[in-house]
Amino acid sequence: MEKKELELLEQLVPSHPDLKSLWDDHILYEKQLEKLEGKKFLTPAEEQQVRQMKKQKLEGKTKMVALLREYATKEG
C-alpha cells in the first residue's frame, strides 16, 4: 500500500467501522502469514492455508483501497 493510502487509512479508520474491520483482518493475515512462512517446512495443509490467506488478504486490500478512494472523493 502506498504511503498516501496508509496516511488516509490512519485518518479514516477511527470513524469508519467497515474500513477498520478490513484493516484489522489485513494485519491478522499478515501476522499469520509471517508465522507460517517463517517455518522451514510447510505441510500440504499449511501450504493451502498460506495460499488461501494470501487470497483473502488481497481481496481485503482491494476492498480497502476501493473504500479509501470512495472516502477520499467524498471528503476531498
N, C-alpha and C. Protein backbone atom coordinates (compact mmCIF):
# COMPACT_ATOMS: atom_id res chain seq x y z
N MET A 1 0.85 -1.17 0.00
CA MET A 1 0.00 0.00 0.00
C MET A 1 0.90 1.24 0.00
N GLU A 2 0.50 2.23 -0.72
CA GLU A 2 1.28 3.45 -0.82
C GLU A 2 1.21 4.27 0.46
N LYS A 3 2.21 5.11 0.67
CA LYS A 3 2.27 5.94 1.88
C LYS A 3 1.03 6.83 1.99
N LYS A 4 0.60 7.40 0.88
CA LYS A 4 -0.57 8.27 0.87
C LYS A 4 -1.81 7.51 1.33
N GLU A 5 -1.95 6.27 0.84
CA GLU A 5 -3.11 5.45 1.23
C GLU A 5 -3.05 5.10 2.71
N LEU A 6 -1.85 4.80 3.22
CA LEU A 6 -1.70 4.47 4.64
C LEU A 6 -2.05 5.67 5.52
N GLU A 7 -1.65 6.85 5.10
CA GLU A 7 -1.96 8.06 5.86
C GLU A 7 -3.47 8.30 5.88
N LEU A 8 -4.11 8.14 4.74
CA LEU A 8 -5.55 8.30 4.66
C LEU A 8 -6.25 7.24 5.52
N LEU A 9 -5.74 6.05 5.49
CA LEU A 9 -6.29 4.96 6.28
C LEU A 9 -6.25 5.29 7.77
N GLU A 10 -5.12 5.82 8.23
CA GLU A 10 -4.97 6.21 9.63
C GLU A 10 -6.02 7.24 10.03
N GLN A 11 -6.33 8.15 9.14
CA GLN A 11 -7.32 9.19 9.43
C GLN A 11 -8.74 8.63 9.46
N LEU A 12 -9.04 7.70 8.56
CA LEU A 12 -10.41 7.24 8.38
C LEU A 12 -10.82 6.06 9.27
N VAL A 13 -9.88 5.23 9.66
CA VAL A 13 -10.20 4.02 10.42
C VAL A 13 -11.03 4.31 11.68
N PRO A 14 -10.69 5.33 12.49
CA PRO A 14 -11.46 5.54 13.71
C PRO A 14 -12.96 5.82 13.48
N SER A 15 -13.31 6.39 12.36
CA SER A 15 -14.71 6.77 12.14
C SER A 15 -15.42 5.92 11.08
N HIS A 16 -14.76 4.89 10.57
CA HIS A 16 -15.37 4.03 9.55
C HIS A 16 -15.18 2.56 9.95
N PRO A 17 -16.17 1.97 10.60
CA PRO A 17 -16.03 0.59 11.09
C PRO A 17 -15.76 -0.44 9.99
N ASP A 18 -16.31 -0.23 8.80
CA ASP A 18 -16.08 -1.18 7.72
C ASP A 18 -14.61 -1.18 7.30
N LEU A 19 -14.02 -0.03 7.27
CA LEU A 19 -12.61 0.11 6.94
C LEU A 19 -11.74 -0.46 8.05
N LYS A 20 -12.12 -0.21 9.29
CA LYS A 20 -11.38 -0.74 10.43
C LYS A 20 -11.38 -2.26 10.41
N SER A 21 -12.51 -2.85 10.11
CA SER A 21 -12.61 -4.31 10.05
C SER A 21 -11.69 -4.88 8.98
N LEU A 22 -11.69 -4.27 7.81
CA LEU A 22 -10.82 -4.72 6.73
C LEU A 22 -9.34 -4.57 7.11
N TRP A 23 -9.00 -3.47 7.76
CA TRP A 23 -7.62 -3.23 8.17
C TRP A 23 -7.19 -4.24 9.23
N ASP A 24 -8.06 -4.50 10.21
CA ASP A 24 -7.76 -5.48 11.25
C ASP A 24 -7.53 -6.87 10.64
N ASP A 25 -8.37 -7.24 9.70
CA ASP A 25 -8.21 -8.53 9.01
C ASP A 25 -6.88 -8.57 8.25
N HIS A 26 -6.54 -7.48 7.59
CA HIS A 26 -5.30 -7.39 6.83
C HIS A 26 -4.10 -7.64 7.74
N ILE A 27 -4.09 -6.99 8.88
CA ILE A 27 -2.99 -7.13 9.84
C ILE A 27 -2.94 -8.56 10.38
N LEU A 28 -4.10 -9.14 10.68
CA LEU A 28 -4.16 -10.51 11.19
C LEU A 28 -3.58 -11.48 10.16
N TYR A 29 -4.00 -11.36 8.91
CA TYR A 29 -3.47 -12.24 7.86
C TYR A 29 -1.97 -12.07 7.72
N GLU A 30 -1.51 -10.83 7.80
CA GLU A 30 -0.08 -10.56 7.67
C GLU A 30 0.71 -11.28 8.76
N LYS A 31 0.24 -11.20 9.99
CA LYS A 31 0.93 -11.85 11.11
C LYS A 31 0.90 -13.37 10.97
N GLN A 32 -0.26 -13.92 10.58
CA GLN A 32 -0.36 -15.36 10.42
C GLN A 32 0.54 -15.85 9.28
N LEU A 33 0.59 -15.08 8.20
CA LEU A 33 1.44 -15.46 7.07
C LEU A 33 2.92 -15.41 7.45
N GLU A 34 3.31 -14.39 8.19
CA GLU A 34 4.70 -14.30 8.64
C GLU A 34 5.08 -15.52 9.47
N LYS A 35 4.19 -15.92 10.34
CA LYS A 35 4.44 -17.07 11.20
C LYS A 35 4.60 -18.34 10.37
N LEU A 36 3.69 -18.57 9.44
CA LEU A 36 3.76 -19.76 8.61
C LEU A 36 4.95 -19.74 7.67
N GLU A 37 5.19 -18.60 7.04
CA GLU A 37 6.28 -18.51 6.09
C GLU A 37 7.65 -18.54 6.77
N GLY A 38 7.67 -18.34 8.08
CA GLY A 38 8.92 -18.43 8.83
C GLY A 38 9.34 -19.86 9.12
N LYS A 39 8.45 -20.79 8.88
CA LYS A 39 8.78 -22.20 9.09
C LYS A 39 9.70 -22.69 7.99
N LYS A 40 10.53 -23.67 8.34
CA LYS A 40 11.44 -24.24 7.34
C LYS A 40 10.70 -25.17 6.40
N PHE A 41 9.65 -25.78 6.90
CA PHE A 41 8.89 -26.74 6.09
C PHE A 41 7.40 -26.56 6.36
N LEU A 42 6.61 -26.54 5.30
CA LEU A 42 5.17 -26.45 5.44
C LEU A 42 4.53 -27.75 4.97
N THR A 43 3.55 -28.20 5.72
CA THR A 43 2.79 -29.37 5.29
C THR A 43 1.91 -28.94 4.11
N PRO A 44 1.40 -29.89 3.37
CA PRO A 44 0.49 -29.52 2.28
C PRO A 44 -0.71 -28.71 2.78
N ALA A 45 -1.22 -29.04 3.95
CA ALA A 45 -2.35 -28.29 4.52
C ALA A 45 -1.94 -26.86 4.83
N GLU A 46 -0.72 -26.67 5.35
CA GLU A 46 -0.24 -25.32 5.65
C GLU A 46 0.00 -24.53 4.36
N GLU A 47 0.50 -25.20 3.33
CA GLU A 47 0.69 -24.53 2.04
C GLU A 47 -0.64 -24.04 1.49
N GLN A 48 -1.66 -24.88 1.62
CA GLN A 48 -3.01 -24.49 1.18
C GLN A 48 -3.52 -23.32 2.01
N GLN A 49 -3.26 -23.37 3.31
CA GLN A 49 -3.68 -22.29 4.20
C GLN A 49 -3.00 -20.98 3.81
N VAL A 50 -1.72 -21.03 3.48
CA VAL A 50 -0.98 -19.83 3.05
C VAL A 50 -1.61 -19.27 1.79
N ARG A 51 -1.88 -20.12 0.81
CA ARG A 51 -2.49 -19.64 -0.44
C ARG A 51 -3.85 -18.99 -0.17
N GLN A 52 -4.65 -19.62 0.69
CA GLN A 52 -5.98 -19.08 1.00
C GLN A 52 -5.88 -17.73 1.71
N MET A 53 -4.96 -17.64 2.68
CA MET A 53 -4.80 -16.37 3.40
C MET A 53 -4.31 -15.26 2.49
N LYS A 54 -3.39 -15.58 1.59
CA LYS A 54 -2.90 -14.57 0.65
C LYS A 54 -4.04 -14.08 -0.24
N LYS A 55 -4.88 -14.99 -0.65
CA LYS A 55 -6.02 -14.63 -1.49
C LYS A 55 -6.98 -13.72 -0.70
N GLN A 56 -7.29 -14.10 0.54
CA GLN A 56 -8.19 -13.30 1.37
C GLN A 56 -7.59 -11.93 1.68
N LYS A 57 -6.29 -11.91 1.94
CA LYS A 57 -5.61 -10.65 2.23
C LYS A 57 -5.68 -9.72 1.02
N LEU A 58 -5.45 -10.26 -0.16
CA LEU A 58 -5.52 -9.46 -1.38
C LEU A 58 -6.93 -8.96 -1.64
N GLU A 59 -7.93 -9.82 -1.44
CA GLU A 59 -9.33 -9.39 -1.63
C GLU A 59 -9.68 -8.26 -0.65
N GLY A 60 -9.23 -8.40 0.58
CA GLY A 60 -9.48 -7.36 1.58
C GLY A 60 -8.79 -6.06 1.22
N LYS A 61 -7.56 -6.17 0.75
CA LYS A 61 -6.81 -4.96 0.36
C LYS A 61 -7.50 -4.26 -0.80
N THR A 62 -8.00 -5.04 -1.75
CA THR A 62 -8.71 -4.46 -2.89
C THR A 62 -9.94 -3.70 -2.42
N LYS A 63 -10.69 -4.28 -1.49
CA LYS A 63 -11.88 -3.61 -0.94
C LYS A 63 -11.48 -2.35 -0.18
N MET A 64 -10.38 -2.47 0.59
CA MET A 64 -9.92 -1.34 1.38
C MET A 64 -9.52 -0.17 0.49
N VAL A 65 -8.78 -0.45 -0.56
CA VAL A 65 -8.34 0.60 -1.48
C VAL A 65 -9.55 1.25 -2.16
N ALA A 66 -10.53 0.44 -2.52
CA ALA A 66 -11.74 0.98 -3.15
C ALA A 66 -12.47 1.91 -2.17
N LEU A 67 -12.58 1.50 -0.91
CA LEU A 67 -13.23 2.35 0.10
C LEU A 67 -12.43 3.62 0.33
N LEU A 68 -11.12 3.51 0.38
CA LEU A 68 -10.28 4.70 0.57
C LEU A 68 -10.51 5.70 -0.55
N ARG A 69 -10.57 5.20 -1.77
CA ARG A 69 -10.81 6.10 -2.90
C ARG A 69 -12.19 6.74 -2.81
N GLU A 70 -13.16 5.94 -2.40
CA GLU A 70 -14.53 6.47 -2.25
C GLU A 70 -14.59 7.56 -1.18
N TYR A 71 -13.99 7.28 -0.04
CA TYR A 71 -13.98 8.27 1.05
C TYR A 71 -13.18 9.51 0.68
N ALA A 72 -12.07 9.32 -0.03
CA ALA A 72 -11.24 10.45 -0.43
C ALA A 72 -11.99 11.39 -1.36
N THR A 73 -12.78 10.83 -2.27
CA THR A 73 -13.53 11.68 -3.20
C THR A 73 -14.67 12.40 -2.48
N LYS A 74 -15.25 11.77 -1.48
CA LYS A 74 -16.33 12.40 -0.71
C LYS A 74 -15.82 13.54 0.15
N GLU A 75 -14.64 13.32 0.74
CA GLU A 75 -14.09 14.31 1.67
C GLU A 75 -13.16 15.31 0.98
N GLY A 76 -12.70 14.96 -0.19
CA GLY A 76 -11.71 15.80 -0.86
C GLY A 76 -12.34 16.79 -1.75
